[in-house]
N, C-alpha and C. Protein backbone atom coordinates (compact mmCIF):
# COMPACT_ATOMS: atom_id res chain seq x y z
N UNK A 1 36.00 -76.78 101.84
CA UNK A 1 36.12 -75.52 103.38
C UNK A 1 34.84 -75.15 104.19
N UNK A 2 34.25 -74.95 104.64
CA UNK A 2 33.07 -74.89 105.78
C UNK A 2 33.26 -73.58 106.35
N UNK A 3 32.58 -73.05 106.31
CA UNK A 3 32.27 -71.86 106.60
C UNK A 3 31.83 -71.02 107.83
N UNK A 4 32.76 -71.34 108.86
CA UNK A 4 31.56 -70.76 110.08
C UNK A 4 30.65 -69.59 110.52
N UNK A 5 30.54 -69.62 111.50
CA UNK A 5 29.04 -68.37 111.06
C UNK A 5 29.81 -67.11 111.61
N UNK A 6 31.42 -67.20 112.37
CA UNK A 6 32.17 -66.13 112.40
C UNK A 6 33.40 -66.06 111.64
N UNK A 7 32.92 -66.48 110.65
CA UNK A 7 33.61 -65.81 109.46
C UNK A 7 32.79 -65.41 108.42
N UNK A 8 31.27 -65.89 108.30
CA UNK A 8 30.50 -65.57 107.90
C UNK A 8 30.17 -63.44 108.36
N UNK A 9 29.85 -63.52 109.39
CA UNK A 9 30.24 -62.24 109.96
C UNK A 9 31.18 -61.90 109.69
N UNK A 10 32.27 -62.12 110.40
CA UNK A 10 33.54 -60.83 109.93
C UNK A 10 33.26 -60.68 108.07
N UNK A 11 32.97 -60.99 107.09
CA UNK A 11 32.98 -60.91 106.65
C UNK A 11 31.73 -59.83 105.70
N UNK A 12 30.99 -60.18 106.34
CA UNK A 12 29.27 -59.37 105.74
C UNK A 12 29.99 -58.42 107.37
N UNK A 13 30.21 -57.80 108.03
CA UNK A 13 30.44 -56.70 108.37
C UNK A 13 30.19 -55.55 107.92
N UNK A 14 31.24 -55.04 106.91
CA UNK A 14 31.17 -54.23 106.25
C UNK A 14 29.83 -53.38 106.17
N UNK A 15 29.55 -54.60 105.24
CA UNK A 15 28.01 -54.36 104.50
C UNK A 15 27.10 -53.73 105.44
N UNK A 16 26.81 -55.04 106.47
CA UNK A 16 26.26 -54.68 108.16
C UNK A 16 26.47 -53.22 107.72
N UNK A 17 27.57 -52.67 108.53
CA UNK A 17 28.16 -51.42 108.81
C UNK A 17 27.42 -50.31 108.16
N UNK A 18 27.64 -50.79 106.98
CA UNK A 18 27.53 -49.53 106.36
C UNK A 18 26.17 -49.23 105.82
N UNK A 19 25.00 -50.44 105.75
CA UNK A 19 23.37 -50.95 105.90
C UNK A 19 22.79 -50.14 107.01
N UNK A 20 23.46 -49.95 108.15
CA UNK A 20 23.25 -49.77 109.61
C UNK A 20 23.56 -47.90 109.65
N UNK A 21 24.59 -47.44 109.24
CA UNK A 21 24.58 -46.50 109.25
C UNK A 21 23.81 -45.39 108.84
N UNK A 22 23.42 -46.13 107.07
CA UNK A 22 22.50 -45.49 105.76
C UNK A 22 21.21 -45.46 106.97
N UNK A 23 20.67 -46.14 107.42
CA UNK A 23 19.85 -46.34 108.09
C UNK A 23 19.62 -45.38 109.22
N UNK A 24 20.57 -45.16 110.24
CA UNK A 24 20.80 -44.27 111.16
C UNK A 24 20.23 -42.96 110.44
N UNK A 25 20.96 -42.29 109.41
CA UNK A 25 21.31 -41.30 108.50
C UNK A 25 19.40 -40.52 108.21
N UNK A 26 18.70 -42.10 107.71
CA UNK A 26 17.21 -41.89 107.24
C UNK A 26 16.61 -41.71 107.98
N UNK A 27 16.70 -42.29 109.18
CA UNK A 27 15.59 -42.11 110.64
C UNK A 27 16.29 -40.62 111.39
N UNK A 28 17.10 -39.87 111.11
CA UNK A 28 18.03 -38.45 111.79
C UNK A 28 17.16 -37.33 110.40
N UNK A 29 16.84 -37.83 109.03
CA UNK A 29 16.70 -36.84 108.49
C UNK A 29 14.77 -37.19 108.07
N UNK A 30 14.41 -38.29 108.94
CA UNK A 30 12.73 -38.26 109.05
C UNK A 30 12.14 -37.82 110.06
N UNK A 31 12.72 -37.13 111.39
CA UNK A 31 12.41 -36.72 112.74
C UNK A 31 12.17 -35.15 112.26
N UNK A 32 10.59 -35.08 113.29
CA UNK A 32 9.85 -33.97 113.34
C UNK A 32 10.63 -32.74 112.91
N UNK A 33 11.76 -32.91 113.70
CA UNK A 33 12.26 -31.02 113.96
C UNK A 33 13.55 -31.56 113.50
N UNK A 34 14.52 -32.02 112.47
CA UNK A 34 15.66 -32.38 111.61
C UNK A 34 15.86 -31.40 110.77
N UNK A 35 17.00 -31.28 110.66
CA UNK A 35 17.96 -29.53 109.79
C UNK A 35 16.61 -30.12 108.35
N UNK A 36 16.60 -31.29 107.76
CA UNK A 36 16.23 -31.29 106.38
C UNK A 36 14.88 -30.84 106.22
N UNK A 37 13.63 -31.02 107.29
CA UNK A 37 12.90 -30.62 107.21
C UNK A 37 11.91 -29.37 107.56
N UNK A 38 13.32 -28.68 108.76
CA UNK A 38 13.28 -27.71 108.63
C UNK A 38 13.23 -26.69 107.74
N UNK A 39 14.71 -26.57 106.83
CA UNK A 39 15.01 -26.34 105.78
C UNK A 39 13.80 -26.15 104.87
N UNK A 40 13.33 -27.20 104.54
CA UNK A 40 12.03 -27.18 103.52
C UNK A 40 10.70 -26.81 104.08
N UNK A 41 10.66 -27.07 105.27
CA UNK A 41 9.61 -25.57 105.69
C UNK A 41 10.38 -24.17 105.25
N UNK A 42 11.51 -23.81 105.42
CA UNK A 42 11.85 -22.43 105.83
C UNK A 42 11.67 -22.65 103.20
N UNK A 43 12.66 -23.01 103.07
CA UNK A 43 12.45 -22.76 101.80
C UNK A 43 10.48 -22.65 100.49
N UNK A 44 9.70 -23.50 101.60
CA UNK A 44 8.28 -23.06 101.12
C UNK A 44 7.81 -21.75 101.36
N UNK A 45 8.24 -21.37 102.74
CA UNK A 45 7.56 -19.69 103.20
C UNK A 45 8.51 -19.16 102.26
N UNK A 46 9.81 -19.08 101.75
CA UNK A 46 10.44 -17.91 100.85
C UNK A 46 9.60 -18.07 99.53
N UNK A 47 9.38 -19.50 99.00
CA UNK A 47 8.56 -19.46 97.57
C UNK A 47 7.31 -18.50 97.78
N UNK A 48 6.80 -18.90 99.24
CA UNK A 48 5.57 -18.13 98.68
C UNK A 48 5.33 -16.83 98.57
N UNK A 49 6.58 -16.27 99.41
CA UNK A 49 6.47 -15.02 99.36
C UNK A 49 6.37 -14.54 98.36
N UNK A 50 8.17 -14.96 97.62
CA UNK A 50 8.67 -14.79 96.51
C UNK A 50 7.57 -15.02 95.31
N UNK A 51 5.93 -15.79 95.63
CA UNK A 51 4.95 -16.28 94.35
C UNK A 51 4.27 -14.48 94.78
N UNK A 52 3.63 -14.37 95.76
CA UNK A 52 3.24 -12.98 96.52
C UNK A 52 3.71 -11.64 95.89
N UNK A 53 5.05 -11.18 95.99
CA UNK A 53 6.41 -10.41 95.21
C UNK A 53 5.48 -10.50 93.73
N UNK A 54 5.81 -11.89 93.35
CA UNK A 54 6.19 -11.78 91.20
C UNK A 54 4.00 -11.68 91.10
N UNK A 55 3.48 -11.67 91.48
CA UNK A 55 1.59 -11.57 91.49
C UNK A 55 1.60 -10.00 91.28
N UNK A 56 1.96 -9.56 93.25
CA UNK A 56 2.16 -7.98 92.71
C UNK A 56 2.94 -7.31 92.04
N UNK A 57 4.18 -7.85 91.57
CA UNK A 57 4.66 -6.72 90.06
C UNK A 57 4.16 -7.31 88.48
N UNK A 58 3.13 -7.91 88.83
CA UNK A 58 2.30 -8.74 87.64
C UNK A 58 1.15 -7.80 87.05
N UNK A 59 0.61 -7.50 88.54
CA UNK A 59 -0.81 -6.56 88.56
C UNK A 59 -0.48 -5.46 88.74
N UNK A 60 1.02 -4.75 88.95
CA UNK A 60 1.42 -3.12 88.71
C UNK A 60 1.75 -3.33 87.22
N UNK A 61 2.27 -3.87 86.83
CA UNK A 61 3.29 -3.93 84.94
C UNK A 61 1.53 -3.86 84.39
N UNK A 62 0.65 -4.96 84.42
CA UNK A 62 -0.46 -4.31 83.83
C UNK A 62 -0.99 -3.14 83.95
N UNK A 63 -2.04 -2.19 84.86
CA UNK A 63 -1.73 -1.42 85.55
C UNK A 63 -1.06 -0.03 84.51
N UNK A 64 0.35 -0.45 84.51
CA UNK A 64 1.04 0.62 84.12
C UNK A 64 0.80 0.35 82.32
N UNK A 65 0.78 -1.15 81.78
CA UNK A 65 0.12 -1.00 80.12
C UNK A 65 -1.12 -0.75 79.70
N UNK A 66 -1.68 -1.04 80.75
CA UNK A 66 -3.00 -0.39 80.39
C UNK A 66 -3.20 1.38 80.73
N UNK A 67 -2.57 1.47 81.22
CA UNK A 67 -2.41 3.56 81.12
C UNK A 67 -1.95 4.03 80.03
N UNK A 68 -0.77 3.66 79.53
CA UNK A 68 0.49 3.48 78.71
C UNK A 68 -0.02 3.34 77.15
N UNK A 69 -1.01 2.70 77.08
CA UNK A 69 -2.24 2.05 75.89
C UNK A 69 -1.60 1.02 75.17
N UNK A 70 -0.76 0.02 75.98
CA UNK A 70 0.63 -0.45 75.33
C UNK A 70 -0.39 -1.95 74.91
């Protein structure tokens, strides 16, 4: 039984559609102003702020320990 090109296209259509949708979403996520990139930038900014706060907290704790004689 010989398969025509149309039959093969119909059989492969769902897979090709899935690959196309996946490629579209990957393209959307890698754009310059994508929500994923914006949230990553925001997460890094929050992380930097928290690191500064923890560093200040550690410095204050060391001063208190030096004063207390521990």
